[in-house]
């Protein structure tokens, strides 16, 4: 997360452009197909892969968030990678199957949203350039979750606002639903695209502490009575839960693997937003 004062209209535009590019182009045919060709900075977001490869693996230290990545493998199933290093190292796999994209595309509302915005509904695995693992995990999956959740919520609520127009709080959360009917505060959304929402113990406490800090920051700009953390995909783990005396609501998943919406989770989300409790 960028520090306060980092974001300006110029670098917000650049960041939005990067996210828009990768969700439209998870793979690219050749360097010449990038706007501007070899001189396009977006080329640095991709790696050229051998022909016939359908997935990419990257090995990195768990604590490093790709800052100490030392190895990229092409087309080697994770089961064949050395097991003795998995305690210290993590592996991430770059592939359409791993991304969960097709689970989302089975939902007609999300699929139509992707069509309307020109987002890729499938990967062309014959293309020569694929996203590097850090871009795939930290940017592509992030924008997938944001797009999927936005598609569902815009069907229900009018007036969902991007934070791109507020550099001082940009990237603290993903969207804001302003207050209505004379209520003093609105709702902030943090969209996720995790394979499972199962934070426990210390990890959960640290995460909620960071959410609380972000909530204090955004309240100075956009009055917020409720933060809803929404994971795009359903999980067997996790449950809909309130934290911080009702100020934070976690929704562990909206879309089932078959593309249907988890109606129970969606009903709770909608009720929380419409309920007076959510706007205190």
C-alpha atoms as a PDB file:
ATOM      1  CA  UNK A   1       0.000   0.000   0.000  1.00  0.00           C
ATOM      2  CA  UNK A   2       1.406   3.369  -1.002  1.00  0.00           C
ATOM      3  CA  UNK A   3       2.197   5.946   1.643  1.00  0.00           C
ATOM      4  CA  UNK A   4       0.092   9.053   2.129  1.00  0.00           C
ATOM      5  CA  UNK A   5       0.875  11.743  -0.400  1.00  0.00           C
ATOM      6  CA  UNK A   6       2.159   9.237  -2.950  1.00  0.00           C
ATOM      7  CA  UNK A   7      -0.826   9.326  -5.271  1.00  0.00           C
ATOM      8  CA  UNK A   8      -1.329  12.153  -7.763  1.00  0.00           C
ATOM      9  CA  UNK A   9      -3.760  12.380 -10.692  1.00  0.00           C
ATOM     10  CA  UNK A  10      -0.855  11.505 -12.983  1.00  0.00           C
ATOM     11  CA  UNK A  11       0.272   8.296 -11.291  1.00  0.00           C
ATOM     12  CA  UNK A  12      -3.318   7.284 -10.551  1.00  0.00           C
ATOM     13  CA  UNK A  13      -3.945   7.455 -14.293  1.00  0.00           C
ATOM     14  CA  UNK A  14      -0.828   5.358 -14.932  1.00  0.00           C
ATOM     15  CA  UNK A  15      -1.808   2.743 -12.332  1.00  0.00           C
ATOM     16  CA  UNK A  16      -5.373   2.541 -13.613  1.00  0.00           C
ATOM     17  CA  UNK A  17      -3.964   2.120 -17.121  1.00  0.00           C
ATOM     18  CA  UNK A  18      -1.746  -0.778 -16.034  1.00  0.00           C
ATOM     19  CA  UNK A  19      -4.648  -2.587 -14.380  1.00  0.00           C
ATOM     20  CA  UNK A  20      -6.874  -1.976 -17.371  1.00  0.00           C
ATOM     21  CA  UNK A  21      -4.194  -3.320 -19.721  1.00  0.00           C
ATOM     22  CA  UNK A  22      -3.618  -6.592 -17.876  1.00  0.00           C
ATOM     23  CA  UNK A  23      -7.315  -7.433 -17.443  1.00  0.00           C
ATOM     24  CA  UNK A  24      -7.751  -6.875 -21.176  1.00  0.00           C
ATOM     25  CA  UNK A  25      -4.531  -8.683 -22.054  1.00  0.00           C
ATOM     26  CA  UNK A  26      -3.570 -11.475 -19.621  1.00  0.00           C
ATOM     27  CA  UNK A  27      -1.401 -12.740 -22.477  1.00  0.00           C
ATOM     28  CA  UNK A  28      -0.047 -10.869 -25.510  1.00  0.00           C
ATOM     29  CA  UNK A  29       0.798 -12.340 -28.907  1.00  0.00           C
ATOM     30  CA  UNK A  30       4.206 -10.664 -29.390  1.00  0.00           C
ATOM     31  CA  UNK A  31       6.163  -7.596 -28.316  1.00  0.00           C
ATOM     32  CA  UNK A  32       5.116  -5.836 -31.509  1.00  0.00           C
ATOM     33  CA  UNK A  33       1.487  -6.084 -30.393  1.00  0.00           C
ATOM     34  CA  UNK A  34       2.075  -3.773 -27.415  1.00  0.00           C
ATOM     35  CA  UNK A  35       1.077  -0.177 -28.204  1.00  0.00           C
ATOM     36  CA  UNK A  36       4.412   1.436 -29.009  1.00  0.00           C
ATOM     37  CA  UNK A  37       6.114  -1.929 -29.457  1.00  0.00           C
ATOM     38  CA  UNK A  38       9.371  -2.620 -27.616  1.00  0.00           C
ATOM     39  CA  UNK A  39       9.378   0.859 -26.049  1.00  0.00           C
ATOM     40  CA  UNK A  40       6.116   0.290 -24.166  1.00  0.00           C
ATOM     41  CA  UNK A  41       6.755   0.049 -20.377  1.00  0.00           C
ATOM     42  CA  UNK A  42       3.919  -2.504 -20.190  1.00  0.00           C
ATOM     43  CA  UNK A  43       6.278  -4.996 -21.811  1.00  0.00           C
ATOM     44  CA  UNK A  44       8.084  -5.162 -18.449  1.00  0.00           C
ATOM     45  CA  UNK A  45       4.926  -6.647 -16.921  1.00  0.00           C
ATOM     46  CA  UNK A  46       5.208  -9.770 -19.075  1.00  0.00           C
ATOM     47  CA  UNK A  47       7.661 -12.584 -19.651  1.00  0.00           C
ATOM     48  CA  UNK A  48       8.274 -14.375 -22.919  1.00  0.00           C
ATOM     49  CA  UNK A  49       7.496 -18.064 -22.501  1.00  0.00           C
ATOM     50  CA  UNK A  50       8.485 -21.149 -24.505  1.00  0.00           C
ATOM     51  CA  UNK A  51       6.033 -22.489 -27.050  1.00  0.00           C
ATOM     52  CA  UNK A  52       3.549 -25.045 -25.776  1.00  0.00           C
ATOM     53  CA  UNK A  53       3.675 -23.875 -22.144  1.00  0.00           C
ATOM     54  CA  UNK A  54       0.319 -23.538 -20.412  1.00  0.00           C
ATOM     55  CA  UNK A  55       1.414 -22.260 -16.997  1.00  0.00           C
ATOM     56  CA  UNK A  56       4.265 -20.422 -15.302  1.00  0.00           C
ATOM     57  CA  UNK A  57       5.589 -20.931 -11.765  1.00  0.00           C
ATOM     58  CA  UNK A  58       7.575 -18.489  -9.670  1.00  0.00           C
ATOM     59  CA  UNK A  59       9.433 -19.399  -6.483  1.00  0.00           C
ATOM     60  CA  UNK A  60       9.730 -16.659  -3.857  1.00  0.00           C
ATOM     61  CA  UNK A  61      10.336 -16.234  -0.144  1.00  0.00           C
ATOM     62  CA  UNK A  62       7.046 -16.139   1.764  1.00  0.00           C
ATOM     63  CA  UNK A  63       7.990 -12.973   3.617  1.00  0.00           C
ATOM     64  CA  UNK A  64       9.246 -11.185   0.533  1.00  0.00           C
ATOM     65  CA  UNK A  65       6.085 -10.616  -1.553  1.00  0.00           C
ATOM     66  CA  UNK A  66       8.117 -11.311  -4.714  1.00  0.00           C
ATOM     67  CA  UNK A  67      10.875  -8.914  -3.711  1.00  0.00           C
ATOM     68  CA  UNK A  68      13.296 -11.850  -3.494  1.00  0.00           C
ATOM     69  CA  UNK A  69      11.999 -14.005  -6.344  1.00  0.00           C
ATOM     70  CA  UNK A  70      14.832 -16.128  -7.634  1.00  0.00           C
ATOM     71  CA  UNK A  71      13.345 -18.708  -9.944  1.00  0.00           C
ATOM     72  CA  UNK A  72      10.725 -18.926 -12.671  1.00  0.00           C
ATOM     73  CA  UNK A  73       9.774 -22.290 -14.137  1.00  0.00           C
ATOM     74  CA  UNK A  74       7.774 -22.962 -17.269  1.00  0.00           C
ATOM     75  CA  UNK A  75       5.273 -25.763 -17.668  1.00  0.00           C
ATOM     76  CA  UNK A  76       6.378 -27.783 -14.625  1.00  0.00           C
ATOM     77  CA  UNK A  77       3.427 -29.022 -12.494  1.00  0.00           C
ATOM     78  CA  UNK A  78       3.729 -27.975  -8.862  1.00  0.00           C
ATOM     79  CA  UNK A  79       3.641 -31.627  -7.801  1.00  0.00           C
ATOM     80  CA  UNK A  80       6.969 -32.112  -9.567  1.00  0.00           C
ATOM     81  CA  UNK A  81       8.696 -29.197  -7.861  1.00  0.00           C
ATOM     82  CA  UNK A  82      11.017 -29.913  -4.895  1.00  0.00           C
ATOM     83  CA  UNK A  83       8.928 -30.520  -1.774  1.00  0.00           C
ATOM     84  CA  UNK A  84      11.822 -29.949   0.639  1.00  0.00           C
ATOM     85  CA  UNK A  85      11.852 -26.220  -0.119  1.00  0.00           C
ATOM     86  CA  UNK A  86       8.161 -25.520   0.353  1.00  0.00           C
ATOM     87  CA  UNK A  87       8.389 -24.599   4.030  1.00  0.00           C
ATOM     88  CA  UNK A  88      10.704 -21.696   3.293  1.00  0.00           C
ATOM     89  CA  UNK A  89       9.563 -20.888  -0.213  1.00  0.00           C
ATOM     90  CA  UNK A  90       6.172 -20.301  -1.767  1.00  0.00           C
ATOM     91  CA  UNK A  91       5.203 -21.017  -5.328  1.00  0.00           C
ATOM     92  CA  UNK A  92       2.682 -19.110  -7.361  1.00  0.00           C
ATOM     93  CA  UNK A  93       1.241 -20.459 -10.589  1.00  0.00           C
ATOM     94  CA  UNK A  94       0.273 -18.166 -13.440  1.00  0.00           C
ATOM     95  CA  UNK A  95      -2.532 -19.726 -15.476  1.00  0.00           C
ATOM     96  CA  UNK A  96      -6.137 -19.171 -16.447  1.00  0.00           C
ATOM     97  CA  UNK A  97      -7.204 -22.180 -14.379  1.00  0.00           C
ATOM     98  CA  UNK A  98      -5.432 -20.868 -11.281  1.00  0.00           C
ATOM     99  CA  UNK A  99      -6.961 -17.411 -11.690  1.00  0.00           C
ATOM    100  CA  UNK A 100     -10.547 -18.622 -11.294  1.00  0.00           C
ATOM    101  CA  UNK A 101     -11.576 -16.546 -14.312  1.00  0.00           C
ATOM    102  CA  UNK A 102     -13.905 -19.177 -15.729  1.00  0.00           C
ATOM    103  CA  UNK A 103     -15.776 -19.498 -12.421  1.00  0.00           C
ATOM    104  CA  UNK A 104     -16.588 -15.810 -12.775  1.00  0.00           C
ATOM    105  CA  UNK A 105     -17.459 -16.063 -16.461  1.00  0.00           C
ATOM    106  CA  UNK A 106     -20.179 -18.606 -15.662  1.00  0.00           C
ATOM    107  CA  UNK A 107     -22.047 -15.757 -14.013  1.00  0.00           C
ATOM    108  CA  UNK A 108     -23.988 -13.902 -16.756  1.00  0.00           C
ATOM    109  CA  UNK A 109     -23.902 -10.552 -14.949  1.00  0.00           C
ATOM    110  CA  UNK A 110     -20.117 -10.641 -14.629  1.00  0.00           C
ATOM    111  CA  UNK A 111     -19.627 -11.983 -18.161  1.00  0.00           C
ATOM    112  CA  UNK A 112     -21.748  -9.158 -19.577  1.00  0.00           C
ATOM    113  CA  UNK A 113     -19.776  -6.628 -17.523  1.00  0.00           C
ATOM    114  CA  UNK A 114     -16.548  -7.987 -19.007  1.00  0.00           C
ATOM    115  CA  UNK A 115     -18.009  -7.755 -22.520  1.00  0.00           C
ATOM    116  CA  UNK A 116     -19.138  -4.186 -21.928  1.00  0.00           C
ATOM    117  CA  UNK A 117     -15.705  -3.112 -20.693  1.00  0.00           C
ATOM    118  CA  UNK A 118     -13.631  -5.059 -23.199  1.00  0.00           C
ATOM    119  CA  UNK A 119     -12.047  -7.331 -20.583  1.00  0.00           C
ATOM    120  CA  UNK A 120     -10.632 -10.709 -21.599  1.00  0.00           C
ATOM    121  CA  UNK A 121     -13.062 -13.543 -20.849  1.00  0.00           C
ATOM    122  CA  UNK A 122     -10.427 -16.175 -21.522  1.00  0.00           C
ATOM    123  CA  UNK A 123      -6.673 -16.422 -22.002  1.00  0.00           C
ATOM    124  CA  UNK A 124      -5.112 -17.062 -25.381  1.00  0.00           C
ATOM    125  CA  UNK A 125      -2.555 -19.615 -24.222  1.00  0.00           C
ATOM    126  CA  UNK A 126      -0.887 -19.627 -27.639  1.00  0.00           C
ATOM    127  CA  UNK A 127       0.339 -16.073 -27.065  1.00  0.00           C
ATOM    128  CA  UNK A 128       4.046 -15.488 -26.576  1.00  0.00           C
ATOM    129  CA  UNK A 129       3.977 -13.147 -23.572  1.00  0.00           C
ATOM    130  CA  UNK A 130       2.393 -13.891 -20.197  1.00  0.00           C
ATOM    131  CA  UNK A 131       2.191 -11.766 -17.065  1.00  0.00           C
ATOM    132  CA  UNK A 132       5.109 -12.094 -14.678  1.00  0.00           C
ATOM    133  CA  UNK A 133       3.993 -13.747 -11.398  1.00  0.00           C
ATOM    134  CA  UNK A 134       4.043 -10.560  -9.309  1.00  0.00           C
ATOM    135  CA  UNK A 135       1.793  -8.767 -11.811  1.00  0.00           C
ATOM    136  CA  UNK A 136      -0.511 -11.759 -12.034  1.00  0.00           C
ATOM    137  CA  UNK A 137      -0.917 -12.154  -8.274  1.00  0.00           C
ATOM    138  CA  UNK A 138      -0.866  -8.535  -7.129  1.00  0.00           C
ATOM    139  CA  UNK A 139      -2.473  -6.715 -10.062  1.00  0.00           C
ATOM    140  CA  UNK A 140      -4.436  -9.097 -12.290  1.00  0.00           C
ATOM    141  CA  UNK A 141      -6.155 -10.994  -9.484  1.00  0.00           C
ATOM    142  CA  UNK A 142      -6.897  -7.716  -7.734  1.00  0.00           C
ATOM    143  CA  UNK A 143      -8.645  -6.206 -10.732  1.00  0.00           C
ATOM    144  CA  UNK A 144     -10.502  -9.492 -11.347  1.00  0.00           C
ATOM    145  CA  UNK A 145     -11.989  -9.305  -7.864  1.00  0.00           C
ATOM    146  CA  UNK A 146     -12.842  -5.641  -8.226  1.00  0.00           C
ATOM    147  CA  UNK A 147     -14.513  -6.162 -11.610  1.00  0.00           C
ATOM    148  CA  UNK A 148     -16.540  -9.173 -10.455  1.00  0.00           C
ATOM    149  CA  UNK A 149     -17.780  -7.573  -7.239  1.00  0.00           C
ATOM    150  CA  UNK A 150     -18.531  -4.282  -8.990  1.00  0.00           C
ATOM    151  CA  UNK A 151     -20.606  -6.090 -11.619  1.00  0.00           C
ATOM    152  CA  UNK A 152     -22.755  -7.755  -8.948  1.00  0.00           C
ATOM    153  CA  UNK A 153     -23.159  -4.683  -6.738  1.00  0.00           C
ATOM    154  CA  UNK A 154     -23.978  -2.286  -9.582  1.00  0.00           C
ATOM    155  CA  UNK A 155     -26.992  -4.464 -10.330  1.00  0.00           C
ATOM    156  CA  UNK A 156     -28.304  -3.646  -6.853  1.00  0.00           C
ATOM    157  CA  UNK A 157     -26.980  -0.223  -5.862  1.00  0.00           C
ATOM    158  CA  UNK A 158     -26.765   3.020  -7.804  1.00  0.00           C
ATOM    159  CA  UNK A 159     -23.965   5.480  -7.280  1.00  0.00           C
ATOM    160  CA  UNK A 160     -20.971   3.262  -6.486  1.00  0.00           C
ATOM    161  CA  UNK A 161     -18.008   5.655  -6.584  1.00  0.00           C
ATOM    162  CA  UNK A 162     -14.385   4.936  -7.515  1.00  0.00           C
ATOM    163  CA  UNK A 163     -11.719   6.424  -5.241  1.00  0.00           C
ATOM    164  CA  UNK A 164      -9.614   7.521  -8.230  1.00  0.00           C
ATOM    165  CA  UNK A 165     -10.934  11.052  -7.747  1.00  0.00           C
ATOM    166  CA  UNK A 166      -9.567  11.179  -4.189  1.00  0.00           C
ATOM    167  CA  UNK A 167      -5.747  10.901  -4.338  1.00  0.00           C
ATOM    168  CA  UNK A 168      -5.429  11.301  -0.568  1.00  0.00           C
ATOM    169  CA  UNK A 169      -7.264   8.004   0.054  1.00  0.00           C
ATOM    170  CA  UNK A 170      -6.814   6.236  -3.281  1.00  0.00           C
ATOM    171  CA  UNK A 171      -6.099   2.490  -2.943  1.00  0.00           C
ATOM    172  CA  UNK A 172      -7.050   2.452   0.724  1.00  0.00           C
ATOM    173  CA  UNK A 173     -10.256   0.801  -0.399  1.00  0.00           C
ATOM    174  CA  UNK A 174     -11.820   0.111  -3.800  1.00  0.00           C
ATOM    175  CA  UNK A 175     -15.173   1.883  -3.918  1.00  0.00           C
ATOM    176  CA  UNK A 176     -17.562   4.014  -1.885  1.00  0.00           C
ATOM    177  CA  UNK A 177     -21.341   4.090  -1.674  1.00  0.00           C
ATOM    178  CA  UNK A 178     -22.335   7.593  -0.534  1.00  0.00           C
ATOM    179  CA  UNK A 179     -24.949   8.072   2.191  1.00  0.00           C
ATOM    180  CA  UNK A 180     -28.583   8.568   1.286  1.00  0.00           C
ATOM    181  CA  UNK A 181     -31.862   9.519   2.943  1.00  0.00           C
ATOM    182  CA  UNK A 182     -30.128  12.020   5.181  1.00  0.00           C
ATOM    183  CA  UNK A 183     -27.798   9.469   6.769  1.00  0.00           C
ATOM    184  CA  UNK A 184     -24.440  10.923   7.803  1.00  0.00           C
ATOM    185  CA  UNK A 185     -22.117   8.187   6.564  1.00  0.00           C
ATOM    186  CA  UNK A 186     -21.678   5.806   3.635  1.00  0.00           C
ATOM    187  CA  UNK A 187     -20.116   2.413   2.973  1.00  0.00           C
ATOM    188  CA  UNK A 188     -16.559   1.585   1.847  1.00  0.00           C
ATOM    189  CA  UNK A 189     -15.806  -1.582  -0.094  1.00  0.00           C
ATOM    190  CA  UNK A 190     -12.599  -3.598  -0.221  1.00  0.00           C
ATOM    191  CA  UNK A 191     -12.825  -6.155  -3.046  1.00  0.00           C
ATOM    192  CA  UNK A 192     -10.749  -9.346  -2.971  1.00  0.00           C
ATOM    193  CA  UNK A 193     -10.117 -12.291  -5.268  1.00  0.00           C
ATOM    194  CA  UNK A 194      -8.747 -14.835  -2.828  1.00  0.00           C
ATOM    195  CA  UNK A 195      -9.059 -18.577  -3.285  1.00  0.00           C
ATOM    196  CA  UNK A 196     -10.283 -18.705   0.310  1.00  0.00           C
ATOM    197  CA  UNK A 197     -11.049 -16.280   3.112  1.00  0.00           C
ATOM    198  CA  UNK A 198      -9.642 -18.050   6.121  1.00  0.00           C
ATOM    199  CA  UNK A 199      -7.613 -15.571   8.156  1.00  0.00           C
ATOM    200  CA  UNK A 200      -7.313 -16.665  11.764  1.00  0.00           C
ATOM    201  CA  UNK A 201      -5.654 -15.600  14.977  1.00  0.00           C
ATOM    202  CA  UNK A 202      -2.731 -13.212  14.702  1.00  0.00           C
ATOM    203  CA  UNK A 203      -2.990 -12.895  10.926  1.00  0.00           C
ATOM    204  CA  UNK A 204      -6.637 -11.871  11.232  1.00  0.00           C
ATOM    205  CA  UNK A 205      -5.896  -9.415  14.041  1.00  0.00           C
ATOM    206  CA  UNK A 206      -3.095  -7.747  12.071  1.00  0.00           C
ATOM    207  CA  UNK A 207      -5.270  -7.512   8.995  1.00  0.00           C
ATOM    208  CA  UNK A 208      -8.157  -5.965  10.933  1.00  0.00           C
ATOM    209  CA  UNK A 209      -5.768  -3.504  12.549  1.00  0.00           C
ATOM    210  CA  UNK A 210      -4.728  -2.353   9.089  1.00  0.00           C
ATOM    211  CA  UNK A 211      -8.386  -2.076   8.020  1.00  0.00           C
ATOM    212  CA  UNK A 212      -9.098   0.028  11.120  1.00  0.00           C
ATOM    213  CA  UNK A 213      -6.181   2.335  10.288  1.00  0.00           C
ATOM    214  CA  UNK A 214      -7.414   2.720   6.721  1.00  0.00           C
ATOM    215  CA  UNK A 215     -10.930   3.422   7.954  1.00  0.00           C
ATOM    216  CA  UNK A 216      -9.627   6.243  10.137  1.00  0.00           C
ATOM    217  CA  UNK A 217      -7.823   7.701   7.106  1.00  0.00           C
ATOM    218  CA  UNK A 218     -10.785   7.624   4.736  1.00  0.00           C
ATOM    219  CA  UNK A 219     -13.193   8.981   7.350  1.00  0.00           C
ATOM    220  CA  UNK A 220     -11.369  12.296   7.107  1.00  0.00           C
ATOM    221  CA  UNK A 221     -12.414  12.532   3.446  1.00  0.00           C
ATOM    222  CA  UNK A 222     -15.529  10.395   2.950  1.00  0.00           C
ATOM    223  CA  UNK A 223     -17.586   9.710   6.099  1.00  0.00           C
ATOM    224  CA  UNK A 224     -17.787   5.936   6.458  1.00  0.00           C
ATOM    225  CA  UNK A 225     -19.984   3.982   8.824  1.00  0.00           C
ATOM    226  CA  UNK A 226     -19.274   0.509   7.473  1.00  0.00           C
ATOM    227  CA  UNK A 227     -16.446  -1.239   5.643  1.00  0.00           C
ATOM    228  CA  UNK A 228     -17.442  -4.329   3.672  1.00  0.00           C
ATOM    229  CA  UNK A 229     -14.610  -6.673   2.686  1.00  0.00           C
ATOM    230  CA  UNK A 230     -15.980  -8.747  -0.184  1.00  0.00           C
ATOM    231  CA  UNK A 231     -14.246 -11.782  -1.633  1.00  0.00           C
ATOM    232  CA  UNK A 232     -15.394 -12.457  -5.188  1.00  0.00           C
ATOM    233  CA  UNK A 233     -15.235 -16.256  -4.957  1.00  0.00           C
ATOM    234  CA  UNK A 234     -16.926 -18.520  -2.451  1.00  0.00           C
ATOM    235  CA  UNK A 235     -14.933 -20.697  -0.104  1.00  0.00           C
ATOM    236  CA  UNK A 236     -15.718 -23.631   2.130  1.00  0.00           C
ATOM    237  CA  UNK A 237     -13.812 -21.799   4.847  1.00  0.00           C
ATOM    238  CA  UNK A 238     -14.787 -18.557   6.502  1.00  0.00           C
ATOM    239  CA  UNK A 239     -18.145 -17.132   7.428  1.00  0.00           C
ATOM    240  CA  UNK A 240     -19.888 -13.791   7.182  1.00  0.00           C
ATOM    241  CA  UNK A 241     -18.641 -11.930  10.241  1.00  0.00           C
ATOM    242  CA  UNK A 242     -18.831  -8.479  11.816  1.00  0.00           C
ATOM    243  CA  UNK A 243     -15.752  -6.992  13.484  1.00  0.00           C
ATOM    244  CA  UNK A 244     -14.864  -3.710  15.154  1.00  0.00           C
ATOM    245  CA  UNK A 245     -18.238  -3.363  16.909  1.00  0.00           C
ATOM    246  CA  UNK A 246     -20.086  -3.724  13.629  1.00  0.00           C
ATOM    247  CA  UNK A 247     -17.958  -1.298  11.621  1.00  0.00           C
ATOM    248  CA  UNK A 248     -16.332  -4.019   9.483  1.00  0.00           C
ATOM    249  CA  UNK A 249     -18.185  -6.817   7.697  1.00  0.00           C
ATOM    250  CA  UNK A 250     -16.381  -9.654   5.912  1.00  0.00           C
ATOM    251  CA  UNK A 251     -18.136 -11.522   3.090  1.00  0.00           C
ATOM    252  CA  UNK A 252     -16.081 -14.661   2.316  1.00  0.00           C
ATOM    253  CA  UNK A 253     -17.433 -15.098  -1.211  1.00  0.00           C
ATOM    254  CA  UNK A 254     -20.092 -14.008  -3.685  1.00  0.00           C
ATOM    255  CA  UNK A 255     -19.778 -16.286  -6.709  1.00  0.00           C
ATOM    256  CA  UNK A 256     -20.007 -20.068  -6.596  1.00  0.00           C
ATOM    257  CA  UNK A 257     -17.786 -22.219  -8.856  1.00  0.00           C
ATOM    258  CA  UNK A 258     -20.801 -22.832 -11.112  1.00  0.00           C
ATOM    259  CA  UNK A 259     -21.279 -19.086 -11.558  1.00  0.00           C
ATOM    260  CA  UNK A 260     -24.341 -18.721  -9.354  1.00  0.00           C
ATOM    261  CA  UNK A 261     -24.367 -16.095  -6.638  1.00  0.00           C
ATOM    262  CA  UNK A 262     -24.188 -17.170  -3.011  1.00  0.00           C
ATOM    263  CA  UNK A 263     -27.590 -15.715  -2.157  1.00  0.00           C
ATOM    264  CA  UNK A 264     -27.125 -16.033   1.598  1.00  0.00           C
ATOM    265  CA  UNK A 265     -23.925 -13.981   1.555  1.00  0.00           C
ATOM    266  CA  UNK A 266     -25.418 -11.446  -0.846  1.00  0.00           C
ATOM    267  CA  UNK A 267     -28.567 -11.054   1.264  1.00  0.00           C
ATOM    268  CA  UNK A 268     -26.483 -10.365   4.365  1.00  0.00           C
ATOM    269  CA  UNK A 269     -24.382  -7.838   2.453  1.00  0.00           C
ATOM    270  CA  UNK A 270     -27.439  -6.012   1.106  1.00  0.00           C
ATOM    271  CA  UNK A 271     -29.160  -6.002   4.490  1.00  0.00           C
ATOM    272  CA  UNK A 272     -26.041  -4.616   6.164  1.00  0.00           C
ATOM    273  CA  UNK A 273     -25.887  -1.761   3.691  1.00  0.00           C
ATOM    274  CA  UNK A 274     -29.593  -0.998   3.920  1.00  0.00           C
ATOM    275  CA  UNK A 275     -29.750  -1.408   7.672  1.00  0.00           C
ATOM    276  CA  UNK A 276     -29.426   1.612   9.921  1.00  0.00           C
ATOM    277  CA  UNK A 277     -26.612  -0.202  11.745  1.00  0.00           C
ATOM    278  CA  UNK A 278     -24.459   0.054   8.652  1.00  0.00           C
ATOM    279  CA  UNK A 279     -24.731   3.819   8.529  1.00  0.00           C
ATOM    280  CA  UNK A 280     -24.069   4.829  12.097  1.00  0.00           C
END
